Amino acid sequence: MARNKGDRRDSHDFFEESAIDPMAAATGPDQTPHRQKGDPPATGPKQKAGFYLSKRVLARFNRKFYELKMEGKAIGNKSALLEAALDFALDDIDRGSGSKILAVFTGPPKM
């Protein structure tokens, strides 16, 4: 079937109810927002992420990874170690005012 030049059926209406969620488009679908206690490390599809780290932190991370490998710890690769560390860090941030990580940016909790 031929389309007329003015036919707008395939154009997106930003005001319709089924519009694309801009947060989901930017961050991806939120399938499981929080790791539950006792959950195994994440498996399944992975997505590459790029971050800049200080040379000090990167050297410390690499050193710790190889130390753990030499101790015989069951760490598959650096991505697995980083993912576990980020899960713990995000769990700490979720604690709110009791978070050690947030204290780095906001100062110690006020009493």
PDB file of N, CA and C in Angstrom:
ATOM      1  N   MET A   1       0.848  -1.173   0.000  1.00  0.00           N
ATOM      2  CA  MET A   1       0.000   0.000   0.000  1.00  0.00           C
ATOM      3  C   MET A   1       0.887   1.227   0.000  1.00  0.00           C
ATOM      4  N   ALA A   2       0.611   2.162  -0.887  1.00  0.00           N
ATOM      5  CA  ALA A   2       1.406   3.388  -0.987  1.00  0.00           C
ATOM      6  C   ALA A   2       0.987   4.365   0.102  1.00  0.00           C
ATOM      7  N   ARG A   3       1.977   5.064   0.615  1.00  0.00           N
ATOM      8  CA  ARG A   3       1.693   6.056   1.659  1.00  0.00           C
ATOM      9  C   ARG A   3       1.651   7.436   1.043  1.00  0.00           C
ATOM     10  N   ASN A   4       0.774   8.237   1.553  1.00  0.00           N
ATOM     11  CA  ASN A   4       0.734   9.638   1.141  1.00  0.00           C
ATOM     12  C   ASN A   4       1.817  10.399   1.860  1.00  0.00           C
ATOM     13  N   LYS A   5       2.314  11.443   1.260  1.00  0.00           N
ATOM     14  CA  LYS A   5       3.384  12.230   1.858  1.00  0.00           C
ATOM     15  C   LYS A   5       2.972  12.780   3.224  1.00  0.00           C
ATOM     16  N   GLY A   6       1.725  13.100   3.411  1.00  0.00           N
ATOM     17  CA  GLY A   6       1.257  13.682   4.664  1.00  0.00           C
ATOM     18  C   GLY A   6       0.821  12.660   5.702  1.00  0.00           C
ATOM     19  N   ASP A   7       0.936  11.367   5.426  1.00  0.00           N
ATOM     20  CA  ASP A   7       0.511  10.321   6.358  1.00  0.00           C
ATOM     21  C   ASP A   7       1.479  10.267   7.540  1.00  0.00           C
ATOM     22  N   ARG A   8       0.991  10.482   8.771  1.00  0.00           N
ATOM     23  CA  ARG A   8       1.834  10.570   9.960  1.00  0.00           C
ATOM     24  C   ARG A   8       1.641   9.377  10.893  1.00  0.00           C
ATOM     25  N   ARG A   9       1.098   8.289  10.405  1.00  0.00           N
ATOM     26  CA  ARG A   9       0.826   7.139  11.270  1.00  0.00           C
ATOM     27  C   ARG A   9       2.086   6.588  11.922  1.00  0.00           C
ATOM     28  N   ASP A  10       3.233   6.692  11.260  1.00  0.00           N
ATOM     29  CA  ASP A  10       4.458   6.128  11.812  1.00  0.00           C
ATOM     30  C   ASP A  10       5.254   7.122  12.639  1.00  0.00           C
ATOM     31  N   SER A  11       4.803   8.360  12.730  1.00  0.00           N
ATOM     32  CA  SER A  11       5.547   9.332  13.531  1.00  0.00           C
ATOM     33  C   SER A  11       5.154   9.187  14.994  1.00  0.00           C
ATOM     34  N   HIS A  12       6.062   9.570  15.883  1.00  0.00           N
ATOM     35  CA  HIS A  12       5.828   9.405  17.312  1.00  0.00           C
ATOM     36  C   HIS A  12       5.114  10.629  17.887  1.00  0.00           C
ATOM     37  N   ASP A  13       4.112  10.379  18.704  1.00  0.00           N
ATOM     38  CA  ASP A  13       3.402  11.452  19.399  1.00  0.00           C
ATOM     39  C   ASP A  13       3.930  11.489  20.833  1.00  0.00           C
ATOM     40  N   PHE A  14       4.645  12.539  21.199  1.00  0.00           N
ATOM     41  CA  PHE A  14       5.256  12.621  22.520  1.00  0.00           C
ATOM     42  C   PHE A  14       4.240  12.772  23.649  1.00  0.00           C
ATOM     43  N   PHE A  15       2.993  13.042  23.334  1.00  0.00           N
ATOM     44  CA  PHE A  15       1.984  13.236  24.358  1.00  0.00           C
ATOM     45  C   PHE A  15       1.093  12.006  24.552  1.00  0.00           C
ATOM     46  N   GLU A  16       1.303  10.964  23.779  1.00  0.00           N
ATOM     47  CA  GLU A  16       0.475   9.780  23.947  1.00  0.00           C
ATOM     48  C   GLU A  16       0.883   9.036  25.214  1.00  0.00           C
ATOM     49  N   GLU A  17      -0.031   8.255  25.750  1.00  0.00           N
ATOM     50  CA  GLU A  17       0.179   7.562  27.019  1.00  0.00           C
ATOM     51  C   GLU A  17       1.282   6.515  26.950  1.00  0.00           C
ATOM     52  N   SER A  18       1.511   5.912  25.808  1.00  0.00           N
ATOM     53  CA  SER A  18       2.515   4.853  25.700  1.00  0.00           C
ATOM     54  C   SER A  18       3.864   5.405  25.229  1.00  0.00           C
ATOM     55  N   ALA A  19       4.123   6.654  25.522  1.00  0.00           N
ATOM     56  CA  ALA A  19       5.381   7.269  25.100  1.00  0.00           C
ATOM     57  C   ALA A  19       6.573   6.597  25.780  1.00  0.00           C
ATOM     58  N   ILE A  20       7.741   6.736  25.199  1.00  0.00           N
ATOM     59  CA  ILE A  20       8.967   6.164  25.744  1.00  0.00           C
ATOM     60  C   ILE A  20       9.323   6.877  27.042  1.00  0.00           C
ATOM     61  N   ASP A  21       9.661   6.110  28.053  1.00  0.00           N
ATOM     62  CA  ASP A  21      10.108   6.665  29.322  1.00  0.00           C
ATOM     63  C   ASP A  21      11.551   7.138  29.155  1.00  0.00           C
ATOM     64  N   PRO A  22      11.845   8.438  29.312  1.00  0.00           N
ATOM     65  CA  PRO A  22      13.206   8.923  29.078  1.00  0.00           C
ATOM     66  C   PRO A  22      14.238   8.331  30.039  1.00  0.00           C
ATOM     67  N   MET A  23      13.848   8.048  31.289  1.00  0.00           N
ATOM     68  CA  MET A  23      14.790   7.441  32.226  1.00  0.00           C
ATOM     69  C   MET A  23      15.127   6.007  31.806  1.00  0.00           C
ATOM     70  N   ALA A  24      14.114   5.252  31.378  1.00  0.00           N
ATOM     71  CA  ALA A  24      14.367   3.891  30.922  1.00  0.00           C
ATOM     72  C   ALA A  24      15.212   3.900  29.656  1.00  0.00           C
ATOM     73  N   ALA A  25      14.984   4.874  28.792  1.00  0.00           N
ATOM     74  CA  ALA A  25      15.782   4.975  27.579  1.00  0.00           C
ATOM     75  C   ALA A  25      17.233   5.304  27.911  1.00  0.00           C
ATOM     76  N   ALA A  26      17.462   6.134  28.927  1.00  0.00           N
ATOM     77  CA  ALA A  26      18.820   6.539  29.288  1.00  0.00           C
ATOM     78  C   ALA A  26      19.539   5.490  30.124  1.00  0.00           C
ATOM     79  N   THR A  27      18.822   4.810  31.012  1.00  0.00           N
ATOM     80  CA  THR A  27      19.480   3.894  31.948  1.00  0.00           C
ATOM     81  C   THR A  27      19.182   2.432  31.693  1.00  0.00           C
ATOM     82  N   GLY A  28      18.256   2.144  30.809  1.00  0.00           N
ATOM     83  CA  GLY A  28      17.881   0.760  30.552  1.00  0.00           C
ATOM     84  C   GLY A  28      16.751   0.339  31.462  1.00  0.00           C
ATOM     85  N   PRO A  29      16.110  -0.775  31.142  1.00  0.00           N
ATOM     86  CA  PRO A  29      14.987  -1.217  31.975  1.00  0.00           C
ATOM     87  C   PRO A  29      15.463  -1.622  33.366  1.00  0.00           C
ATOM     88  N   ASP A  30      14.669  -1.290  34.353  1.00  0.00           N
ATOM     89  CA  ASP A  30      14.997  -1.580  35.749  1.00  0.00           C
ATOM     90  C   ASP A  30      14.378  -2.926  36.106  1.00  0.00           C
ATOM     91  N   GLN A  31      15.128  -4.011  35.858  1.00  0.00           N
ATOM     92  CA  GLN A  31      14.575  -5.346  36.065  1.00  0.00           C
ATOM     93  C   GLN A  31      14.630  -5.770  37.524  1.00  0.00           C
ATOM     94  N   THR A  32      15.767  -5.679  38.156  1.00  0.00           N
ATOM     95  CA  THR A  32      15.895  -6.036  39.566  1.00  0.00           C
ATOM     96  C   THR A  32      16.719  -4.951  40.241  1.00  0.00           C
ATOM     97  N   PRO A  33      16.062  -3.966  40.849  1.00  0.00           N
ATOM     98  CA  PRO A  33      16.777  -2.814  41.364  1.00  0.00           C
ATOM     99  C   PRO A  33      17.719  -3.110  42.520  1.00  0.00           C
ATOM    100  N   HIS A  34      17.439  -4.095  43.334  1.00  0.00           N
ATOM    101  CA  HIS A  34      18.271  -4.328  44.512  1.00  0.00           C
ATOM    102  C   HIS A  34      18.637  -5.792  44.616  1.00  0.00           C
ATOM    103  N   ARG A  35      19.871  -6.025  44.981  1.00  0.00           N
ATOM    104  CA  ARG A  35      20.341  -7.374  45.256  1.00  0.00           C
ATOM    105  C   ARG A  35      19.829  -7.744  46.645  1.00  0.00           C
ATOM    106  N   GLN A  36      19.283  -8.934  46.764  1.00  0.00           N
ATOM    107  CA  GLN A  36      18.790  -9.399  48.055  1.00  0.00           C
ATOM    108  C   GLN A  36      19.907 -10.138  48.776  1.00  0.00           C
ATOM    109  N   LYS A  37      19.890 -10.091  50.104  1.00  0.00           N
ATOM    110  CA  LYS A  37      20.903 -10.788  50.895  1.00  0.00           C
ATOM    111  C   LYS A  37      20.903 -12.270  50.523  1.00  0.00           C
ATOM    112  N   GLY A  38      22.082 -12.781  50.261  1.00  0.00           N
ATOM    113  CA  GLY A  38      22.213 -14.182  49.893  1.00  0.00           C
ATOM    114  C   GLY A  38      22.105 -14.444  48.402  1.00  0.00           C
ATOM    115  N   ASP A  39      21.774 -13.421  47.603  1.00  0.00           N
ATOM    116  CA  ASP A  39      21.714 -13.610  46.159  1.00  0.00           C
ATOM    117  C   ASP A  39      23.101 -13.926  45.622  1.00  0.00           C
ATOM    118  N   PRO A  40      23.198 -14.834  44.663  1.00  0.00           N
ATOM    119  CA  PRO A  40      24.493 -15.108  44.060  1.00  0.00           C
ATOM    120  C   PRO A  40      24.921 -13.930  43.194  1.00  0.00           C
ATOM    121  N   PRO A  41      26.193 -13.873  42.817  1.00  0.00           N
ATOM    122  CA  PRO A  41      26.623 -12.804  41.913  1.00  0.00           C
ATOM    123  C   PRO A  41      25.774 -12.819  40.646  1.00  0.00           C
ATOM    124  N   ALA A  42      25.622 -11.664  40.050  1.00  0.00           N
ATOM    125  CA  ALA A  42      24.778 -11.527  38.862  1.00  0.00           C
ATOM    126  C   ALA A  42      25.300 -12.390  37.716  1.00  0.00           C
ATOM    127  N   THR A  43      24.372 -13.012  37.025  1.00  0.00           N
ATOM    128  CA  THR A  43      24.701 -13.778  35.840  1.00  0.00           C
ATOM    129  C   THR A  43      23.787 -13.297  34.727  1.00  0.00           C
ATOM    130  N   GLY A  44      24.046 -13.743  33.538  1.00  0.00           N
ATOM    131  CA  GLY A  44      23.192 -13.357  32.425  1.00  0.00           C
ATOM    132  C   GLY A  44      23.844 -12.277  31.583  1.00  0.00           C
ATOM    133  N   PRO A  45      23.030 -11.581  30.808  1.00  0.00           N
ATOM    134  CA  PRO A  45      23.578 -10.604  29.876  1.00  0.00           C
ATOM    135  C   PRO A  45      24.334  -9.493  30.606  1.00  0.00           C
ATOM    136  N   LYS A  46      25.412  -9.083  30.014  1.00  0.00           N
ATOM    137  CA  LYS A  46      26.239  -8.016  30.581  1.00  0.00           C
ATOM    138  C   LYS A  46      26.246  -6.843  29.618  1.00  0.00           C
ATOM    139  N   GLN A  47      26.565  -5.685  30.122  1.00  0.00           N
ATOM    140  CA  GLN A  47      26.685  -4.493  29.293  1.00  0.00           C
ATOM    141  C   GLN A  47      27.985  -3.799  29.650  1.00  0.00           C
ATOM    142  N   LYS A  48      28.742  -3.421  28.645  1.00  0.00           N
ATOM    143  CA  LYS A  48      30.015  -2.759  28.868  1.00  0.00           C
ATOM    144  C   LYS A  48      29.764  -1.371  29.462  1.00  0.00           C
ATOM    145  N   ALA A  49      30.591  -0.989  30.440  1.00  0.00           N
ATOM    146  CA  ALA A  49      30.500   0.331  31.055  1.00  0.00           C
ATOM    147  C   ALA A  49      31.905   0.911  31.137  1.00  0.00           C
ATOM    148  N   GLY A  50      32.010   2.185  30.955  1.00  0.00           N
ATOM    149  CA  GLY A  50      33.314   2.831  31.033  1.00  0.00           C
ATOM    150  C   GLY A  50      33.320   3.901  32.109  1.00  0.00           C
ATOM    151  N   PHE A  51      34.341   3.864  32.968  1.00  0.00           N
ATOM    152  CA  PHE A  51      34.472   4.831  34.047  1.00  0.00           C
ATOM    153  C   PHE A  51      35.934   5.222  34.160  1.00  0.00           C
ATOM    154  N   TYR A  52      36.185   6.420  34.605  1.00  0.00           N
ATOM    155  CA  TYR A  52      37.547   6.852  34.869  1.00  0.00           C
ATOM    156  C   TYR A  52      37.825   6.674  36.355  1.00  0.00           C
ATOM    157  N   LEU A  53      38.948   6.036  36.658  1.00  0.00           N
ATOM    158  CA  LEU A  53      39.366   5.819  38.035  1.00  0.00           C
ATOM    159  C   LEU A  53      40.738   6.446  38.227  1.00  0.00           C
ATOM    160  N   SER A  54      41.024   6.850  39.463  1.00  0.00           N
ATOM    161  CA  SER A  54      42.362   7.376  39.733  1.00  0.00           C
ATOM    162  C   SER A  54      43.364   6.234  39.575  1.00  0.00           C
ATOM    163  N   LYS A  55      44.594   6.578  39.278  1.00  0.00           N
ATOM    164  CA  LYS A  55      45.636   5.566  39.135  1.00  0.00           C
ATOM    165  C   LYS A  55      45.806   4.796  40.437  1.00  0.00           C
ATOM    166  N   ARG A  56      45.653   5.481  41.567  1.00  0.00           N
ATOM    167  CA  ARG A  56      45.792   4.846  42.875  1.00  0.00           C
ATOM    168  C   ARG A  56      44.732   3.767  43.073  1.00  0.00           C
ATOM    169  N   VAL A  57      43.471   4.092  42.769  1.00  0.00           N
ATOM    170  CA  VAL A  57      42.381   3.127  42.960  1.00  0.00           C
ATOM    171  C   VAL A  57      42.520   1.968  41.981  1.00  0.00           C
ATOM    172  N   LEU A  58      42.873   2.260  40.741  1.00  0.00           N
ATOM    173  CA  LEU A  58      43.025   1.197  39.758  1.00  0.00           C
ATOM    174  C   LEU A  58      44.164   0.253  40.138  1.00  0.00           C
ATOM    175  N   ALA A  59      45.278   0.802  40.599  1.00  0.00           N
ATOM    176  CA  ALA A  59      46.403  -0.038  41.026  1.00  0.00           C
ATOM    177  C   ALA A  59      45.999  -0.889  42.233  1.00  0.00           C
ATOM    178  N   ARG A  60      45.279  -0.298  43.176  1.00  0.00           N
ATOM    179  CA  ARG A  60      44.828  -1.033  44.362  1.00  0.00           C
ATOM    180  C   ARG A  60      43.865  -2.155  43.971  1.00  0.00           C
ATOM    181  N   PHE A  61      42.953  -1.856  43.053  1.00  0.00           N
ATOM    182  CA  PHE A  61      41.990  -2.853  42.575  1.00  0.00           C
ATOM    183  C   PHE A  61      42.715  -4.017  41.900  1.00  0.00           C
ATOM    184  N   ASN A  62      43.626  -3.703  40.983  1.00  0.00           N
ATOM    185  CA  ASN A  62      44.371  -4.756  40.286  1.00  0.00           C
ATOM    186  C   ASN A  62      45.175  -5.605  41.262  1.00  0.00           C
ATOM    187  N   ARG A  63      45.839  -4.948  42.212  1.00  0.00           N
ATOM    188  CA  ARG A  63      46.641  -5.667  43.211  1.00  0.00           C
ATOM    189  C   ARG A  63      45.755  -6.607  44.041  1.00  0.00           C
ATOM    190  N   LYS A  64      44.608  -6.103  44.478  1.00  0.00           N
ATOM    191  CA  LYS A  64      43.695  -6.920  45.293  1.00  0.00           C
ATOM    192  C   LYS A  64      43.151  -8.095  44.487  1.00  0.00           C
ATOM    193  N   PHE A  65      42.818  -7.861  43.223  1.00  0.00           N
ATOM    194  CA  PHE A  65      42.329  -8.954  42.374  1.00  0.00           C
ATOM    195  C   PHE A  65      43.360 -10.081  42.305  1.00  0.00           C
ATOM    196  N   TYR A  66      44.621  -9.733  42.030  1.00  0.00           N
ATOM    197  CA  TYR A  66      45.652 -10.761  41.902  1.00  0.00           C
ATOM    198  C   TYR A  66      45.987 -11.407  43.241  1.00  0.00           C
ATOM    199  N   GLU A  67      45.913 -10.647  44.326  1.00  0.00           N
ATOM    200  CA  GLU A  67      46.115 -11.241  45.655  1.00  0.00           C
ATOM    201  C   GLU A  67      45.054 -12.297  45.928  1.00  0.00           C
ATOM    202  N   LEU A  68      43.801 -11.963  45.631  1.00  0.00           N
ATOM    203  CA  LEU A  68      42.702 -12.906  45.859  1.00  0.00           C
ATOM    204  C   LEU A  68      42.846 -14.147  44.986  1.00  0.00           C
ATOM    205  N   LYS A  69      43.255 -13.960  43.734  1.00  0.00           N
ATOM    206  CA  LYS A  69      43.468 -15.096  42.833  1.00  0.00           C
ATOM    207  C   LYS A  69      44.575 -16.011  43.375  1.00  0.00           C
ATOM    208  N   MET A  70      45.665 -15.399  43.867  1.00  0.00           N
ATOM    209  CA  MET A  70      46.779 -16.195  44.388  1.00  0.00           C
ATOM    210  C   MET A  70      46.396 -16.930  45.669  1.00  0.00           C
ATOM    211  N   GLU A  71      45.435 -16.388  46.430  1.00  0.00           N
ATOM    212  CA  GLU A  71      44.938 -17.053  47.641  1.00  0.00           C
ATOM    213  C   GLU A  71      43.954 -18.175  47.301  1.00  0.00           C
ATOM    214  N   GLY A  72      43.628 -18.299  46.019  1.00  0.00           N
ATOM    215  CA  GLY A  72      42.717 -19.361  45.598  1.00  0.00           C
ATOM    216  C   GLY A  72      41.250 -19.005  45.705  1.00  0.00           C
ATOM    217  N   LYS A  73      40.927 -17.731  45.867  1.00  0.00           N
ATOM    218  CA  LYS A  73      39.519 -17.323  45.935  1.00  0.00           C
ATOM    219  C   LYS A  73      38.860 -17.550  44.577  1.00  0.00           C
ATOM    220  N   ALA A  74      37.611 -17.919  44.595  1.00  0.00           N
ATOM    221  CA  ALA A  74      36.882 -18.255  43.366  1.00  0.00           C
ATOM    222  C   ALA A  74      36.339 -16.990  42.684  1.00  0.00           C
ATOM    223  N   ILE A  75      37.252 -16.149  42.222  1.00  0.00           N
ATOM    224  CA  ILE A  75      36.851 -14.939  41.500  1.00  0.00           C
ATOM    225  C   ILE A  75      37.154 -15.181  40.029  1.00  0.00           C
ATOM    226  N   GLY A  76      36.117 -15.192  39.212  1.00  0.00           N
ATOM    227  CA  GLY A  76      36.297 -15.504  37.803  1.00  0.00           C
ATOM    228  C   GLY A  76      37.137 -14.498  37.051  1.00  0.00           C
ATOM    229  N   ASN A  77      36.836 -13.230  37.264  1.00  0.00           N
ATOM    230  CA  ASN A  77      37.546 -12.182  36.538  1.00  0.00           C
ATOM    231  C   ASN A  77      37.365 -10.842  37.254  1.00  0.00           C
ATOM    232  N   LYS A  78      38.008  -9.809  36.731  1.00  0.00           N
ATOM    233  CA  LYS A  78      37.939  -8.487  37.367  1.00  0.00           C
ATOM    234  C   LYS A  78      36.524  -7.928  37.343  1.00  0.00           C
ATOM    235  N   SER A  79      35.776  -8.235  36.288  1.00  0.00           N
ATOM    236  CA  SER A  79      34.397  -7.751  36.214  1.00  0.00           C
ATOM    237  C   SER A  79      33.558  -8.298  37.356  1.00  0.00           C
ATOM    238  N   ALA A  80      33.750  -9.561  37.694  1.00  0.00           N
ATOM    239  CA  ALA A  80      32.991 -10.172  38.795  1.00  0.00           C
ATOM    240  C   ALA A  80      33.330  -9.494  40.120  1.00  0.00           C
ATOM    241  N   LEU A  81      34.620  -9.221  40.347  1.00  0.00           N
ATOM    242  CA  LEU A  81      35.035  -8.540  41.577  1.00  0.00           C
ATOM    243  C   LEU A  81      34.452  -7.127  41.631  1.00  0.00           C
ATOM    244  N   LEU A  82      34.536  -6.412  40.528  1.00  0.00           N
ATOM    245  CA  LEU A  82      34.015  -5.043  40.496  1.00  0.00           C
ATOM    246  C   LEU A  82      32.504  -5.029  40.686  1.00  0.00           C
ATOM    247  N   GLU A  83      31.803  -5.969  40.069  1.00  0.00           N
ATOM    248  CA  GLU A  83      30.349  -6.019  40.215  1.00  0.00           C
ATOM    249  C   GLU A  83      29.945  -6.295  41.660  1.00  0.00           C
ATOM    250  N   ALA A  84      30.660  -7.204  42.319  1.00  0.00           N
ATOM    251  CA  ALA A  84      30.369  -7.497  43.729  1.00  0.00           C
ATOM    252  C   ALA A  84      30.645  -6.271  44.588  1.00  0.00           C
ATOM    253  N   ALA A  85      31.763  -5.590  44.327  1.00  0.00           N
ATOM    254  CA  ALA A  85      32.099  -4.394  45.098  1.00  0.00           C
ATOM    255  C   ALA A  85      31.059  -3.292  44.891  1.00  0.00           C
ATOM    256  N   LEU A  86      30.604  -3.124  43.663  1.00  0.00           N
ATOM    257  CA  LEU A  86      29.574  -2.102  43.398  1.00  0.00           C
ATOM    258  C   LEU A  86      28.254  -2.459  44.070  1.00  0.00           C
ATOM    259  N   ASP A  87      27.898  -3.744  44.075  1.00  0.00           N
ATOM    260  CA  ASP A  87      26.673  -4.159  44.772  1.00  0.00           C
ATOM    261  C   ASP A  87      26.750  -3.799  46.253  1.00  0.00           C
ATOM    262  N   PHE A  88      27.896  -4.102  46.887  1.00  0.00           N
ATOM    263  CA  PHE A  88      28.062  -3.751  48.300  1.00  0.00           C
ATOM    264  C   PHE A  88      28.011  -2.242  48.501  1.00  0.00           C
ATOM    265  N   ALA A  89      28.650  -1.500  47.605  1.00  0.00           N
ATOM    266  CA  ALA A  89      28.662  -0.036  47.716  1.00  0.00           C
ATOM    267  C   ALA A  89      27.250   0.530  47.570  1.00  0.00           C
ATOM    268  N   LEU A  90      26.491   0.014  46.613  1.00  0.00           N
ATOM    269  CA  LEU A  90      25.124   0.505  46.415  1.00  0.00           C
ATOM    270  C   LEU A  90      24.221   0.132  47.582  1.00  0.00           C
ATOM    271  N   ASP A  91      24.436  -1.059  48.156  1.00  0.00           N
ATOM    272  CA  ASP A  91      23.685  -1.445  49.353  1.00  0.00           C
ATOM    273  C   ASP A  91      23.985  -0.478  50.496  1.00  0.00           C
ATOM    274  N   ASP A  92      25.249  -0.086  50.631  1.00  0.00           N
ATOM    275  CA  ASP A  92      25.634   0.864  51.671  1.00  0.00           C
ATOM    276  C   ASP A  92      24.966   2.223  51.439  1.00  0.00           C
ATOM    277  N   ILE A  93      24.954   2.685  50.210  1.00  0.00           N
ATOM    278  CA  ILE A  93      24.318   3.972  49.890  1.00  0.00           C
ATOM    279  C   ILE A  93      22.830   3.925  50.213  1.00  0.00           C
ATOM    280  N   ASP A  94      22.197   2.777  49.968  1.00  0.00           N
ATOM    281  CA  ASP A  94      20.769   2.619  50.273  1.00  0.00           C
ATOM    282  C   ASP A  94      20.478   2.764  51.765  1.00  0.00           C
ATOM    283  N   ARG A  95      21.480   2.636  52.617  1.00  0.00           N
ATOM    284  CA  ARG A  95      21.291   2.798  54.065  1.00  0.00           C
ATOM    285  C   ARG A  95      20.994   4.248  54.437  1.00  0.00           C
ATOM    286  N   GLY A  96      21.208   5.167  53.509  1.00  0.00           N
ATOM    287  CA  GLY A  96      20.895   6.571  53.770  1.00  0.00           C
ATOM    288  C   GLY A  96      21.901   7.222  54.698  1.00  0.00           C
ATOM    289  N   SER A  97      21.432   7.822  55.777  1.00  0.00           N
ATOM    290  CA  SER A  97      22.301   8.600  56.667  1.00  0.00           C
ATOM    291  C   SER A  97      23.366   7.744  57.354  1.00  0.00           C
ATOM    292  N   GLY A  98      23.185   6.435  57.396  1.00  0.00           N
ATOM    293  CA  GLY A  98      24.179   5.553  57.994  1.00  0.00           C
ATOM    294  C   GLY A  98      25.225   5.068  57.000  1.00  0.00           C
ATOM    295  N   SER A  99      25.169   5.557  55.779  1.00  0.00           N
ATOM    296  CA  SER A  99      26.063   5.104  54.726  1.00  0.00           C
ATOM    297  C   SER A  99      27.485   5.634  54.898  1.00  0.00           C
ATOM    298  N   LYS A 100      28.459   4.733  54.845  1.00  0.00           N
ATOM    299  CA  LYS A 100      29.864   5.146  54.905  1.00  0.00           C
ATOM    300  C   LYS A 100      30.264   5.855  53.608  1.00  0.00           C
ATOM    301  N   ILE A 101      29.706   5.410  52.497  1.00  0.00           N
ATOM    302  CA  ILE A 101      30.045   6.029  51.210  1.00  0.00           C
ATOM    303  C   ILE A 101      29.485   7.448  51.131  1.00  0.00           C
ATOM    304  N   LEU A 102      28.236   7.631  51.521  1.00  0.00           N
ATOM    305  CA  LEU A 102      27.667   8.983  51.492  1.00  0.00           C
ATOM    306  C   LEU A 102      28.426   9.926  52.412  1.00  0.00           C
ATOM    307  N   ALA A 103      28.968   9.397  53.509  1.00  0.00           N
ATOM    308  CA  ALA A 103      29.734  10.230  54.439  1.00  0.00           C
ATOM    309  C   ALA A 103      30.980  10.802  53.774  1.00  0.00           C
ATOM    310  N   VAL A 104      31.529  10.087  52.794  1.00  0.00           N
ATOM    311  CA  VAL A 104      32.695  10.590  52.061  1.00  0.00           C
ATOM    312  C   VAL A 104      32.342  11.897  51.344  1.00  0.00           C
ATOM    313  N   PHE A 105      31.124  11.998  50.854  1.00  0.00           N
ATOM    314  CA  PHE A 105      30.706  13.164  50.086  1.00  0.00           C
ATOM    315  C   PHE A 105      30.005  14.232  50.910  1.00  0.00           C
ATOM    316  N   THR A 106      29.434  13.833  52.042  1.00  0.00           N
ATOM    317  CA  THR A 106      28.656  14.789  52.848  1.00  0.00           C
ATOM    318  C   THR A 106      29.273  15.070  54.198  1.00  0.00           C
ATOM    319  N   GLY A 107      30.322  14.347  54.556  1.00  0.00           N
ATOM    320  CA  GLY A 107      30.907  14.495  55.878  1.00  0.00           C
ATOM    321  C   GLY A 107      30.273  13.516  56.849  1.00  0.00           C
ATOM    322  N   PRO A 108      30.836  13.396  58.047  1.00  0.00           N
ATOM    323  CA  PRO A 108      30.304  12.434  59.022  1.00  0.00           C
ATOM    324  C   PRO A 108      28.891  12.812  59.460  1.00  0.00           C
ATOM    325  N   PRO A 109      28.106  11.811  59.906  1.00  0.00           N
ATOM    326  CA  PRO A 109      26.744  12.096  60.349  1.00  0.00           C
ATOM    327  C   PRO A 109      26.740  13.062  61.536  1.00  0.00           C
ATOM    328  N   LYS A 110      25.751  13.949  61.541  1.00  0.00           N
ATOM    329  CA  LYS A 110      25.625  14.925  62.643  1.00  0.00           C
ATOM    330  C   LYS A 110      24.840  14.289  63.779  1.00  0.00           C
ATOM    331  N   MET A 111      25.322  14.509  64.977  1.00  0.00           N
ATOM    332  CA  MET A 111      24.649  13.939  66.143  1.00  0.00           C
ATOM    333  C   MET A 111      24.012  15.003  66.984  1.00  0.00           C
TER     334      MET A 111
END
